[in-house]
Amino acid sequence: RHSKPSNNPHENIYDLYAICYHHGDDLETGHYTAACKNPYDARWYKFDDSRVTPVDDENVYTDLVNNSAYMLFYRRKKPNVVHTCSTEEGGHWA
């Protein structure tokens, strides 16, 4: 469920930011709902037609990631950039 932080600066890390759910017997019928993480307050909200409800922070992943999850949407985090410079004489920082 939750990955451990990596010390490899070249490894991509992704954040889950939305989930689409399908409720029904097959993909041609049924009902679709969604859950999205608000980038401004970092809280999750469930969307069901015209109803929007906040998700309890303590149960976010157990409440959201379940068998009715149809599609998961991930966003790549910005990579950790390691800046280096030369301090040797004759380097471009002379």
N, C-alpha and C. Protein backbone atom coordinates (compact mmCIF):
# COMPACT_ATOMS: atom_id res chain seq x y z
N ARG A 1 0.81 -1.19 0.00
CA ARG A 1 0.00 0.00 0.00
C ARG A 1 0.86 1.25 0.00
N HIS A 2 1.73 1.38 0.96
CA HIS A 2 2.57 2.56 1.05
C HIS A 2 4.00 2.13 0.76
N SER A 3 4.65 2.85 -0.12
CA SER A 3 6.02 2.50 -0.43
C SER A 3 6.97 3.21 0.53
N LYS A 4 8.12 2.60 0.72
CA LYS A 4 9.14 3.20 1.56
C LYS A 4 9.94 4.19 0.72
N PRO A 5 10.38 5.29 1.32
CA PRO A 5 11.19 6.25 0.57
C PRO A 5 12.47 5.61 0.07
N SER A 6 12.87 5.99 -1.12
CA SER A 6 14.08 5.44 -1.73
C SER A 6 15.21 6.45 -1.61
N ASN A 7 16.41 5.95 -1.48
CA ASN A 7 17.59 6.81 -1.47
C ASN A 7 18.15 7.01 -2.86
N ASN A 8 17.57 6.33 -3.87
CA ASN A 8 18.03 6.44 -5.24
C ASN A 8 17.44 7.71 -5.86
N PRO A 9 18.27 8.72 -6.18
CA PRO A 9 17.74 9.98 -6.72
C PRO A 9 17.15 9.84 -8.12
N HIS A 10 17.43 8.73 -8.82
CA HIS A 10 16.94 8.54 -10.18
C HIS A 10 15.66 7.72 -10.23
N GLU A 11 15.17 7.26 -9.09
CA GLU A 11 13.95 6.46 -9.05
C GLU A 11 12.73 7.38 -9.02
N ASN A 12 11.74 7.06 -9.84
CA ASN A 12 10.51 7.86 -9.87
C ASN A 12 9.59 7.44 -8.73
N ILE A 13 8.98 8.43 -8.09
CA ILE A 13 8.02 8.21 -7.01
C ILE A 13 6.70 8.83 -7.47
N TYR A 14 5.60 8.12 -7.20
CA TYR A 14 4.28 8.57 -7.64
C TYR A 14 3.34 8.74 -6.46
N ASP A 15 2.45 9.72 -6.57
CA ASP A 15 1.40 9.95 -5.57
C ASP A 15 0.05 9.63 -6.20
N LEU A 16 -0.77 8.90 -5.47
CA LEU A 16 -2.13 8.65 -5.89
C LEU A 16 -2.93 9.93 -5.70
N TYR A 17 -3.65 10.38 -6.75
CA TYR A 17 -4.42 11.62 -6.60
C TYR A 17 -5.88 11.48 -7.01
N ALA A 18 -6.27 10.36 -7.64
CA ALA A 18 -7.68 10.19 -7.99
C ALA A 18 -7.98 8.71 -8.22
N ILE A 19 -9.23 8.35 -7.99
CA ILE A 19 -9.69 6.97 -8.18
C ILE A 19 -11.07 7.03 -8.82
N CYS A 20 -11.26 6.22 -9.84
CA CYS A 20 -12.57 6.08 -10.48
C CYS A 20 -13.13 4.72 -10.07
N TYR A 21 -14.40 4.70 -9.68
CA TYR A 21 -15.05 3.47 -9.22
C TYR A 21 -16.18 3.08 -10.16
N HIS A 22 -16.38 1.78 -10.31
CA HIS A 22 -17.54 1.28 -11.04
C HIS A 22 -18.36 0.42 -10.10
N HIS A 23 -19.65 0.70 -10.02
CA HIS A 23 -20.56 -0.06 -9.19
C HIS A 23 -21.59 -0.70 -10.12
N GLY A 24 -21.57 -2.01 -10.22
CA GLY A 24 -22.52 -2.69 -11.09
C GLY A 24 -21.98 -4.04 -11.52
N ASP A 25 -22.80 -4.77 -12.29
CA ASP A 25 -22.43 -6.13 -12.69
C ASP A 25 -21.47 -6.17 -13.87
N ASP A 26 -21.59 -5.25 -14.82
CA ASP A 26 -20.69 -5.23 -15.97
C ASP A 26 -20.38 -3.78 -16.35
N LEU A 27 -19.45 -3.61 -17.29
CA LEU A 27 -19.00 -2.26 -17.62
C LEU A 27 -19.98 -1.49 -18.49
N GLU A 28 -20.97 -2.18 -19.07
CA GLU A 28 -21.97 -1.49 -19.89
C GLU A 28 -23.10 -0.91 -19.06
N THR A 29 -23.26 -1.40 -17.85
CA THR A 29 -24.29 -0.88 -16.97
C THR A 29 -23.66 -0.55 -15.63
N GLY A 30 -24.39 0.09 -14.80
CA GLY A 30 -23.88 0.41 -13.47
C GLY A 30 -23.73 1.90 -13.27
N HIS A 31 -22.93 2.24 -12.30
CA HIS A 31 -22.79 3.63 -11.88
C HIS A 31 -21.32 3.91 -11.60
N TYR A 32 -20.85 5.07 -12.02
CA TYR A 32 -19.48 5.48 -11.79
C TYR A 32 -19.43 6.59 -10.74
N THR A 33 -18.46 6.48 -9.84
CA THR A 33 -18.18 7.52 -8.86
C THR A 33 -16.68 7.78 -8.87
N ALA A 34 -16.24 8.77 -8.13
CA ALA A 34 -14.82 9.09 -8.10
C ALA A 34 -14.42 9.62 -6.73
N ALA A 35 -13.14 9.56 -6.47
CA ALA A 35 -12.54 10.18 -5.29
C ALA A 35 -11.29 10.91 -5.77
N CYS A 36 -11.11 12.13 -5.31
CA CYS A 36 -9.96 12.94 -5.73
C CYS A 36 -9.36 13.64 -4.53
N LYS A 37 -8.05 13.83 -4.61
CA LYS A 37 -7.34 14.56 -3.56
C LYS A 37 -7.24 16.02 -3.98
N ASN A 38 -7.73 16.90 -3.14
CA ASN A 38 -7.70 18.33 -3.41
C ASN A 38 -6.26 18.82 -3.22
N PRO A 39 -5.65 19.43 -4.24
CA PRO A 39 -4.26 19.87 -4.10
C PRO A 39 -4.08 21.07 -3.16
N TYR A 40 -5.17 21.76 -2.83
CA TYR A 40 -5.05 22.95 -1.98
C TYR A 40 -5.13 22.63 -0.49
N ASP A 41 -5.99 21.68 -0.12
CA ASP A 41 -6.08 21.34 1.30
C ASP A 41 -5.58 19.93 1.60
N ALA A 42 -5.13 19.19 0.56
CA ALA A 42 -4.56 17.84 0.69
C ALA A 42 -5.54 16.84 1.29
N ARG A 43 -6.84 17.11 1.17
CA ARG A 43 -7.86 16.18 1.67
C ARG A 43 -8.50 15.45 0.51
N TRP A 44 -9.01 14.26 0.80
CA TRP A 44 -9.71 13.46 -0.20
C TRP A 44 -11.21 13.73 -0.13
N TYR A 45 -11.85 13.71 -1.31
CA TYR A 45 -13.30 13.92 -1.42
C TYR A 45 -13.88 12.87 -2.35
N LYS A 46 -15.08 12.38 -2.01
CA LYS A 46 -15.80 11.44 -2.86
C LYS A 46 -16.84 12.22 -3.68
N PHE A 47 -16.95 11.87 -4.96
CA PHE A 47 -17.89 12.51 -5.87
C PHE A 47 -18.88 11.47 -6.37
N ASP A 48 -20.16 11.73 -6.17
CA ASP A 48 -21.22 10.83 -6.61
C ASP A 48 -22.36 11.70 -7.16
N ASP A 49 -22.38 11.84 -8.48
CA ASP A 49 -23.33 12.73 -9.15
C ASP A 49 -23.21 14.14 -8.58
N SER A 50 -24.23 14.65 -7.94
CA SER A 50 -24.17 16.03 -7.44
C SER A 50 -23.74 16.11 -5.98
N ARG A 51 -23.37 14.98 -5.39
CA ARG A 51 -22.99 14.96 -3.98
C ARG A 51 -21.47 14.84 -3.82
N VAL A 52 -20.89 15.70 -3.01
CA VAL A 52 -19.46 15.66 -2.69
C VAL A 52 -19.33 15.53 -1.19
N THR A 53 -18.56 14.51 -0.75
CA THR A 53 -18.39 14.30 0.69
C THR A 53 -16.90 14.14 1.01
N PRO A 54 -16.44 14.75 2.10
CA PRO A 54 -15.04 14.57 2.50
C PRO A 54 -14.82 13.17 3.06
N VAL A 55 -13.60 12.68 2.91
CA VAL A 55 -13.21 11.37 3.43
C VAL A 55 -12.47 11.56 4.74
N ASP A 56 -12.78 10.74 5.72
CA ASP A 56 -12.12 10.80 7.03
C ASP A 56 -10.62 10.56 6.84
N ASP A 57 -9.80 11.48 7.33
CA ASP A 57 -8.35 11.40 7.14
C ASP A 57 -7.73 10.13 7.70
N GLU A 58 -8.27 9.59 8.77
CA GLU A 58 -7.68 8.41 9.40
C GLU A 58 -7.88 7.14 8.59
N ASN A 59 -8.90 7.10 7.74
CA ASN A 59 -9.21 5.89 6.99
C ASN A 59 -9.11 6.09 5.49
N VAL A 60 -8.29 7.00 5.05
CA VAL A 60 -8.26 7.35 3.63
C VAL A 60 -8.02 6.13 2.75
N TYR A 61 -6.92 5.43 2.94
CA TYR A 61 -6.58 4.35 2.01
C TYR A 61 -7.46 3.12 2.19
N THR A 62 -7.85 2.81 3.41
CA THR A 62 -8.75 1.66 3.59
C THR A 62 -10.14 1.97 3.05
N ASP A 63 -10.53 3.22 3.09
CA ASP A 63 -11.84 3.62 2.59
C ASP A 63 -11.85 3.76 1.07
N LEU A 64 -10.75 4.19 0.48
CA LEU A 64 -10.73 4.51 -0.94
C LEU A 64 -10.26 3.39 -1.85
N VAL A 65 -9.23 2.67 -1.46
CA VAL A 65 -8.69 1.62 -2.33
C VAL A 65 -9.37 0.31 -1.96
N ASN A 66 -10.29 -0.12 -2.83
CA ASN A 66 -11.07 -1.32 -2.56
C ASN A 66 -11.40 -2.04 -3.86
N ASN A 67 -12.23 -3.07 -3.80
CA ASN A 67 -12.52 -3.89 -4.97
C ASN A 67 -13.33 -3.17 -6.04
N SER A 68 -13.99 -2.08 -5.71
CA SER A 68 -14.75 -1.36 -6.73
C SER A 68 -13.90 -0.30 -7.44
N ALA A 69 -12.64 -0.14 -7.05
CA ALA A 69 -11.75 0.81 -7.74
C ALA A 69 -11.50 0.30 -9.15
N TYR A 70 -11.85 1.11 -10.13
CA TYR A 70 -11.76 0.74 -11.54
C TYR A 70 -10.49 1.27 -12.18
N MET A 71 -10.15 2.52 -11.89
CA MET A 71 -8.92 3.12 -12.40
C MET A 71 -8.28 3.96 -11.30
N LEU A 72 -6.96 3.87 -11.21
CA LEU A 72 -6.19 4.66 -10.25
C LEU A 72 -5.36 5.67 -11.04
N PHE A 73 -5.32 6.90 -10.57
CA PHE A 73 -4.58 7.96 -11.25
C PHE A 73 -3.41 8.39 -10.36
N TYR A 74 -2.22 8.37 -10.95
CA TYR A 74 -1.00 8.72 -10.22
C TYR A 74 -0.33 9.91 -10.87
N ARG A 75 0.34 10.71 -10.06
CA ARG A 75 1.13 11.84 -10.53
C ARG A 75 2.56 11.61 -10.07
N ARG A 76 3.50 11.76 -10.99
CA ARG A 76 4.91 11.60 -10.63
C ARG A 76 5.36 12.80 -9.81
N LYS A 77 6.03 12.51 -8.69
CA LYS A 77 6.60 13.59 -7.88
C LYS A 77 7.79 14.16 -8.63
N LYS A 78 8.09 15.40 -8.32
CA LYS A 78 9.26 16.01 -8.93
C LYS A 78 10.50 15.27 -8.45
N PRO A 79 11.44 14.99 -9.35
CA PRO A 79 12.64 14.26 -8.92
C PRO A 79 13.50 15.11 -8.00
N ASN A 80 14.21 14.41 -7.14
CA ASN A 80 15.18 15.10 -6.28
C ASN A 80 16.39 15.45 -7.15
N VAL A 81 16.69 16.72 -7.25
CA VAL A 81 17.80 17.16 -8.08
C VAL A 81 19.02 17.37 -7.18
N VAL A 82 20.10 16.73 -7.55
CA VAL A 82 21.34 16.88 -6.81
C VAL A 82 22.24 17.81 -7.59
N HIS A 83 22.58 18.94 -7.00
CA HIS A 83 23.45 19.92 -7.66
C HIS A 83 24.88 19.72 -7.16
N THR A 84 25.80 19.72 -8.09
CA THR A 84 27.21 19.62 -7.72
C THR A 84 27.97 20.70 -8.48
N CYS A 85 29.10 21.08 -7.95
CA CYS A 85 29.95 22.02 -8.66
C CYS A 85 31.40 21.65 -8.40
N SER A 86 32.23 22.09 -9.29
CA SER A 86 33.66 21.79 -9.19
C SER A 86 34.33 22.86 -8.33
N THR A 87 35.14 22.42 -7.38
CA THR A 87 35.91 23.37 -6.57
C THR A 87 37.39 23.30 -6.90
N GLU A 88 37.72 22.45 -7.88
CA GLU A 88 39.12 22.33 -8.27
C GLU A 88 39.53 23.53 -9.11
N GLU A 89 40.82 23.91 -8.98
CA GLU A 89 41.33 25.01 -9.78
C GLU A 89 41.28 24.61 -11.24
N GLY A 90 40.90 25.53 -12.09
CA GLY A 90 40.78 25.22 -13.51
C GLY A 90 39.38 24.77 -13.88
N GLY A 91 38.53 24.62 -12.88
CA GLY A 91 37.15 24.26 -13.16
C GLY A 91 36.39 25.47 -13.69
N HIS A 92 35.19 25.27 -14.11
CA HIS A 92 34.43 26.37 -14.70
C HIS A 92 33.94 27.39 -13.66
N TRP A 93 34.20 27.16 -12.39
CA TRP A 93 33.80 28.10 -11.35
C TRP A 93 34.97 28.98 -10.89
N ALA A 94 35.97 29.11 -11.71
CA ALA A 94 37.18 29.85 -11.32
C ALA A 94 36.92 31.29 -10.99
